[in-house]
Amino acid sequence: MMGAAPDLEPDAGADKNQPLLKELQVARTALIKDRTRLLNRLKTRTLPLTRRRTGARMEQIKRQLAGLERELLALLRTFPARARGCVRTLGVTGRARSPRRSVARGRW
């Protein structure tokens, strides 16, 4: 037991793509929180103007989420070692089912 310390191998350094993946995941999480907040707010809106603006913001968030998911999948194509962990985060919303399947089947 005492002689085991000199035989330790150093850990591999973090990959250069990891900060990029983290940044995209943080941005995606923020958009999901914003979408949830807007869905809850939409239930209490009564004026047509505020309902339209909330609906327009929801559409914008949908487009932004789709763009982020495309970027995540493109980055995962070049960095397959992290694909499995990122697929879990893509499964947060119901609309990420197709990217999850495509990563699992290797068709990205």
N, C-alpha and C. Protein backbone atom coordinates (compact mmCIF):
# COMPACT_ATOMS: atom_id res chain seq x y z
N MET A 1 0.82 -1.20 0.00
CA MET A 1 0.00 0.00 0.00
C MET A 1 0.86 1.26 0.00
N MET A 2 1.92 1.25 0.75
CA MET A 2 2.75 2.45 0.82
C MET A 2 3.56 2.66 -0.45
N GLY A 3 3.88 1.60 -1.16
CA GLY A 3 4.67 1.74 -2.37
C GLY A 3 3.85 2.01 -3.61
N ALA A 4 2.51 2.14 -3.48
CA ALA A 4 1.65 2.33 -4.64
C ALA A 4 1.68 3.76 -5.16
N ALA A 5 2.03 4.73 -4.36
CA ALA A 5 2.00 6.13 -4.78
C ALA A 5 2.97 6.44 -5.92
N PRO A 6 4.19 5.92 -5.94
CA PRO A 6 5.09 6.24 -7.06
C PRO A 6 4.63 5.66 -8.40
N ASP A 7 3.74 4.67 -8.40
CA ASP A 7 3.28 4.06 -9.63
C ASP A 7 2.08 4.77 -10.25
N LEU A 8 1.64 5.87 -9.66
CA LEU A 8 0.47 6.58 -10.17
C LEU A 8 0.78 7.24 -11.51
N GLU A 9 -0.19 7.19 -12.39
CA GLU A 9 -0.08 7.84 -13.69
C GLU A 9 -0.82 9.18 -13.63
N PRO A 10 -0.32 10.22 -14.29
CA PRO A 10 -1.04 11.50 -14.29
C PRO A 10 -2.33 11.39 -15.09
N ASP A 11 -3.32 12.14 -14.66
CA ASP A 11 -4.59 12.19 -15.39
C ASP A 11 -4.41 12.91 -16.71
N ALA A 12 -5.22 12.52 -17.66
CA ALA A 12 -5.19 13.20 -18.97
C ALA A 12 -5.76 14.60 -18.80
N GLY A 13 -5.20 15.55 -19.52
CA GLY A 13 -5.68 16.92 -19.45
C GLY A 13 -7.06 17.06 -20.09
N ALA A 14 -7.72 18.13 -19.76
CA ALA A 14 -9.04 18.38 -20.34
C ALA A 14 -8.91 18.63 -21.84
N ASP A 15 -9.86 18.15 -22.58
CA ASP A 15 -9.84 18.36 -24.02
C ASP A 15 -10.14 19.82 -24.34
N LYS A 16 -9.62 20.26 -25.48
CA LYS A 16 -9.79 21.67 -25.85
C LYS A 16 -11.23 22.00 -26.21
N ASN A 17 -12.04 21.01 -26.55
CA ASN A 17 -13.44 21.27 -26.91
C ASN A 17 -14.36 21.32 -25.70
N GLN A 18 -13.88 20.90 -24.55
CA GLN A 18 -14.75 20.85 -23.38
C GLN A 18 -15.33 22.22 -23.00
N PRO A 19 -14.54 23.30 -22.98
CA PRO A 19 -15.15 24.60 -22.67
C PRO A 19 -16.21 25.02 -23.69
N LEU A 20 -16.01 24.65 -24.94
CA LEU A 20 -17.01 24.97 -25.97
C LEU A 20 -18.31 24.23 -25.70
N LEU A 21 -18.19 22.94 -25.37
CA LEU A 21 -19.39 22.16 -25.06
C LEU A 21 -20.10 22.73 -23.84
N LYS A 22 -19.34 23.08 -22.83
CA LYS A 22 -19.93 23.62 -21.61
C LYS A 22 -20.66 24.92 -21.89
N GLU A 23 -20.05 25.78 -22.68
CA GLU A 23 -20.68 27.06 -23.00
C GLU A 23 -22.00 26.86 -23.75
N LEU A 24 -22.01 25.93 -24.70
CA LEU A 24 -23.25 25.66 -25.44
C LEU A 24 -24.31 25.05 -24.53
N GLN A 25 -23.90 24.18 -23.62
CA GLN A 25 -24.86 23.57 -22.71
C GLN A 25 -25.43 24.60 -21.74
N VAL A 26 -24.60 25.52 -21.27
CA VAL A 26 -25.09 26.57 -20.36
C VAL A 26 -26.08 27.47 -21.08
N ALA A 27 -25.76 27.83 -22.31
CA ALA A 27 -26.67 28.67 -23.10
C ALA A 27 -27.99 27.95 -23.35
N ARG A 28 -27.93 26.67 -23.63
CA ARG A 28 -29.14 25.88 -23.87
C ARG A 28 -29.99 25.78 -22.61
N THR A 29 -29.34 25.56 -21.47
CA THR A 29 -30.07 25.49 -20.20
C THR A 29 -30.76 26.82 -19.90
N ALA A 30 -30.09 27.93 -20.18
CA ALA A 30 -30.71 29.24 -19.96
C ALA A 30 -31.93 29.44 -20.85
N LEU A 31 -31.84 29.00 -22.10
CA LEU A 31 -32.99 29.13 -23.00
C LEU A 31 -34.15 28.26 -22.53
N ILE A 32 -33.86 27.08 -22.03
CA ILE A 32 -34.92 26.20 -21.53
C ILE A 32 -35.61 26.82 -20.33
N LYS A 33 -34.82 27.44 -19.44
CA LYS A 33 -35.41 28.12 -18.28
C LYS A 33 -36.27 29.29 -18.73
N ASP A 34 -35.79 30.03 -19.70
CA ASP A 34 -36.54 31.16 -20.22
C ASP A 34 -37.85 30.70 -20.86
N ARG A 35 -37.78 29.59 -21.61
CA ARG A 35 -38.99 29.04 -22.23
C ARG A 35 -40.00 28.61 -21.17
N THR A 36 -39.53 27.96 -20.12
CA THR A 36 -40.42 27.54 -19.04
C THR A 36 -41.07 28.74 -18.37
N ARG A 37 -40.27 29.79 -18.14
CA ARG A 37 -40.81 31.00 -17.53
C ARG A 37 -41.89 31.62 -18.42
N LEU A 38 -41.65 31.65 -19.73
CA LEU A 38 -42.63 32.22 -20.64
C LEU A 38 -43.90 31.37 -20.72
N LEU A 39 -43.75 30.06 -20.69
CA LEU A 39 -44.93 29.19 -20.70
C LEU A 39 -45.80 29.45 -19.47
N ASN A 40 -45.16 29.61 -18.33
CA ASN A 40 -45.92 29.90 -17.12
C ASN A 40 -46.54 31.29 -17.18
N ARG A 41 -45.82 32.24 -17.72
CA ARG A 41 -46.35 33.60 -17.83
C ARG A 41 -47.51 33.67 -18.82
N LEU A 42 -47.44 32.87 -19.89
CA LEU A 42 -48.48 32.89 -20.91
C LEU A 42 -49.83 32.46 -20.33
N LYS A 43 -49.82 31.63 -19.30
CA LYS A 43 -51.07 31.17 -18.68
C LYS A 43 -51.82 32.30 -17.99
N THR A 44 -51.09 33.35 -17.57
CA THR A 44 -51.74 34.44 -16.84
C THR A 44 -51.98 35.68 -17.70
N ARG A 45 -51.49 35.69 -18.91
CA ARG A 45 -51.67 36.85 -19.80
C ARG A 45 -53.10 36.91 -20.30
N THR A 46 -53.66 38.10 -20.28
CA THR A 46 -55.03 38.28 -20.75
C THR A 46 -55.10 39.25 -21.94
N LEU A 47 -54.21 40.21 -22.01
CA LEU A 47 -54.23 41.17 -23.10
C LEU A 47 -53.65 40.54 -24.37
N PRO A 48 -54.32 40.76 -25.50
CA PRO A 48 -53.82 40.20 -26.76
C PRO A 48 -52.41 40.65 -27.11
N LEU A 49 -52.07 41.90 -26.81
CA LEU A 49 -50.74 42.40 -27.13
C LEU A 49 -49.66 41.62 -26.37
N THR A 50 -49.85 41.43 -25.08
CA THR A 50 -48.84 40.72 -24.29
C THR A 50 -48.79 39.24 -24.66
N ARG A 51 -49.93 38.67 -25.03
CA ARG A 51 -49.92 37.27 -25.47
C ARG A 51 -49.15 37.11 -26.79
N ARG A 52 -49.33 38.08 -27.71
CA ARG A 52 -48.60 38.04 -28.98
C ARG A 52 -47.10 38.18 -28.76
N ARG A 53 -46.73 39.11 -27.90
CA ARG A 53 -45.29 39.31 -27.64
C ARG A 53 -44.68 38.09 -26.97
N THR A 54 -45.41 37.49 -26.05
CA THR A 54 -44.91 36.28 -25.41
C THR A 54 -44.79 35.15 -26.42
N GLY A 55 -45.79 35.03 -27.31
CA GLY A 55 -45.73 34.01 -28.35
C GLY A 55 -44.57 34.23 -29.31
N ALA A 56 -44.31 35.50 -29.65
CA ALA A 56 -43.18 35.81 -30.53
C ALA A 56 -41.86 35.45 -29.87
N ARG A 57 -41.75 35.73 -28.59
CA ARG A 57 -40.52 35.37 -27.87
C ARG A 57 -40.37 33.85 -27.80
N MET A 58 -41.47 33.12 -27.65
CA MET A 58 -41.42 31.65 -27.63
C MET A 58 -40.89 31.13 -28.96
N GLU A 59 -41.34 31.70 -30.07
CA GLU A 59 -40.85 31.28 -31.38
C GLU A 59 -39.36 31.57 -31.52
N GLN A 60 -38.93 32.71 -31.01
CA GLN A 60 -37.52 33.05 -31.06
C GLN A 60 -36.69 32.05 -30.26
N ILE A 61 -37.18 31.67 -29.09
CA ILE A 61 -36.47 30.69 -28.26
C ILE A 61 -36.40 29.34 -28.96
N LYS A 62 -37.49 28.95 -29.63
CA LYS A 62 -37.47 27.68 -30.37
C LYS A 62 -36.39 27.69 -31.44
N ARG A 63 -36.28 28.79 -32.18
CA ARG A 63 -35.26 28.89 -33.22
C ARG A 63 -33.85 28.86 -32.61
N GLN A 64 -33.68 29.56 -31.51
CA GLN A 64 -32.37 29.59 -30.87
C GLN A 64 -31.99 28.22 -30.31
N LEU A 65 -32.96 27.51 -29.73
CA LEU A 65 -32.69 26.16 -29.22
C LEU A 65 -32.30 25.23 -30.36
N ALA A 66 -33.00 25.33 -31.47
CA ALA A 66 -32.67 24.48 -32.62
C ALA A 66 -31.25 24.77 -33.11
N GLY A 67 -30.88 26.03 -33.15
CA GLY A 67 -29.53 26.39 -33.57
C GLY A 67 -28.46 25.88 -32.62
N LEU A 68 -28.73 25.99 -31.31
CA LEU A 68 -27.78 25.48 -30.33
C LEU A 68 -27.63 23.97 -30.42
N GLU A 69 -28.73 23.28 -30.63
CA GLU A 69 -28.66 21.82 -30.74
C GLU A 69 -27.89 21.41 -31.99
N ARG A 70 -28.06 22.16 -33.08
CA ARG A 70 -27.28 21.88 -34.29
C ARG A 70 -25.79 22.07 -34.03
N GLU A 71 -25.45 23.14 -33.32
CA GLU A 71 -24.05 23.41 -33.00
C GLU A 71 -23.48 22.32 -32.09
N LEU A 72 -24.28 21.91 -31.09
CA LEU A 72 -23.83 20.84 -30.20
C LEU A 72 -23.56 19.56 -30.97
N LEU A 73 -24.47 19.20 -31.85
CA LEU A 73 -24.28 17.97 -32.63
C LEU A 73 -23.09 18.08 -33.57
N ALA A 74 -22.88 19.25 -34.16
CA ALA A 74 -21.73 19.44 -35.04
C ALA A 74 -20.43 19.31 -34.25
N LEU A 75 -20.41 19.85 -33.04
CA LEU A 75 -19.22 19.75 -32.21
C LEU A 75 -19.00 18.32 -31.75
N LEU A 76 -20.07 17.61 -31.48
CA LEU A 76 -19.95 16.22 -31.05
C LEU A 76 -19.44 15.32 -32.17
N ARG A 77 -19.68 15.70 -33.41
CA ARG A 77 -19.15 14.92 -34.53
C ARG A 77 -17.62 14.93 -34.52
N THR A 78 -17.07 16.04 -34.10
CA THR A 78 -15.61 16.15 -34.05
C THR A 78 -15.04 15.69 -32.71
N PHE A 79 -15.89 15.42 -31.74
CA PHE A 79 -15.46 15.09 -30.39
C PHE A 79 -16.32 13.96 -29.84
N PRO A 80 -16.24 12.76 -30.45
CA PRO A 80 -17.16 11.68 -30.09
C PRO A 80 -16.99 11.15 -28.66
N ALA A 81 -15.89 11.42 -28.00
CA ALA A 81 -15.69 10.91 -26.64
C ALA A 81 -16.70 11.52 -25.68
N ARG A 82 -17.17 12.72 -25.95
CA ARG A 82 -18.13 13.39 -25.06
C ARG A 82 -19.57 13.21 -25.52
N ALA A 83 -19.79 12.51 -26.61
CA ALA A 83 -21.13 12.40 -27.19
C ALA A 83 -22.12 11.78 -26.22
N ARG A 84 -21.72 10.75 -25.52
CA ARG A 84 -22.64 10.05 -24.63
C ARG A 84 -23.15 10.94 -23.50
N GLY A 85 -22.28 11.71 -22.89
CA GLY A 85 -22.70 12.61 -21.82
C GLY A 85 -23.57 13.75 -22.32
N CYS A 86 -23.27 14.24 -23.50
CA CYS A 86 -24.05 15.35 -24.03
C CYS A 86 -25.43 14.90 -24.50
N VAL A 87 -25.56 13.66 -24.89
CA VAL A 87 -26.87 13.16 -25.29
C VAL A 87 -27.82 13.21 -24.11
N ARG A 88 -27.30 12.99 -22.92
CA ARG A 88 -28.16 13.09 -21.73
C ARG A 88 -28.69 14.50 -21.57
N THR A 89 -27.85 15.50 -21.81
CA THR A 89 -28.32 16.87 -21.66
C THR A 89 -29.26 17.26 -22.79
N LEU A 90 -29.10 16.67 -23.96
CA LEU A 90 -30.02 16.96 -25.05
C LEU A 90 -31.40 16.38 -24.77
N GLY A 91 -31.49 15.43 -23.89
CA GLY A 91 -32.77 14.81 -23.57
C GLY A 91 -33.59 15.60 -22.58
N VAL A 92 -33.16 16.80 -22.21
CA VAL A 92 -33.89 17.61 -21.23
C VAL A 92 -35.27 17.99 -21.77
N THR A 93 -35.35 18.30 -23.05
CA THR A 93 -36.63 18.68 -23.63
C THR A 93 -37.16 17.57 -24.52
N GLY A 94 -38.42 17.59 -24.79
CA GLY A 94 -39.03 16.58 -25.63
C GLY A 94 -38.63 16.67 -27.09
N ARG A 95 -38.20 17.86 -27.54
CA ARG A 95 -37.89 18.01 -28.96
C ARG A 95 -36.49 17.51 -29.30
N ALA A 96 -35.74 17.04 -28.31
CA ALA A 96 -34.37 16.56 -28.58
C ALA A 96 -34.33 15.06 -28.82
N ARG A 97 -35.47 14.45 -29.02
CA ARG A 97 -35.46 13.00 -29.21
C ARG A 97 -34.75 12.58 -30.48
N SER A 98 -34.95 13.31 -31.56
CA SER A 98 -34.29 12.91 -32.80
C SER A 98 -32.78 13.10 -32.74
N PRO A 99 -32.23 14.20 -32.17
CA PRO A 99 -30.78 14.26 -32.05
C PRO A 99 -30.23 13.15 -31.16
N ARG A 100 -30.96 12.79 -30.11
CA ARG A 100 -30.49 11.74 -29.23
C ARG A 100 -30.39 10.43 -30.00
N ARG A 101 -31.40 10.11 -30.79
CA ARG A 101 -31.37 8.89 -31.58
C ARG A 101 -30.26 8.93 -32.61
N SER A 102 -30.08 10.08 -33.23
CA SER A 102 -29.06 10.16 -34.27
C SER A 102 -27.67 9.99 -33.69
N VAL A 103 -27.41 10.52 -32.49
CA VAL A 103 -26.11 10.32 -31.87
C VAL A 103 -25.94 8.88 -31.45
N ALA A 104 -26.99 8.30 -30.88
CA ALA A 104 -26.91 6.90 -30.42
C ALA A 104 -26.65 5.95 -31.59
N ARG A 105 -27.21 6.24 -32.74
CA ARG A 105 -27.04 5.36 -33.90
C ARG A 105 -25.81 5.72 -34.72
N GLY A 106 -25.15 6.81 -34.35
CA GLY A 106 -23.97 7.20 -35.08
C GLY A 106 -24.27 7.92 -36.39
N ARG A 107 -25.50 8.39 -36.56
CA ARG A 107 -25.90 9.11 -37.79
C ARG A 107 -25.96 10.60 -37.54
N TRP A 108 -24.90 11.21 -37.26
CA TRP A 108 -24.92 12.64 -37.02
C TRP A 108 -24.13 13.30 -38.06
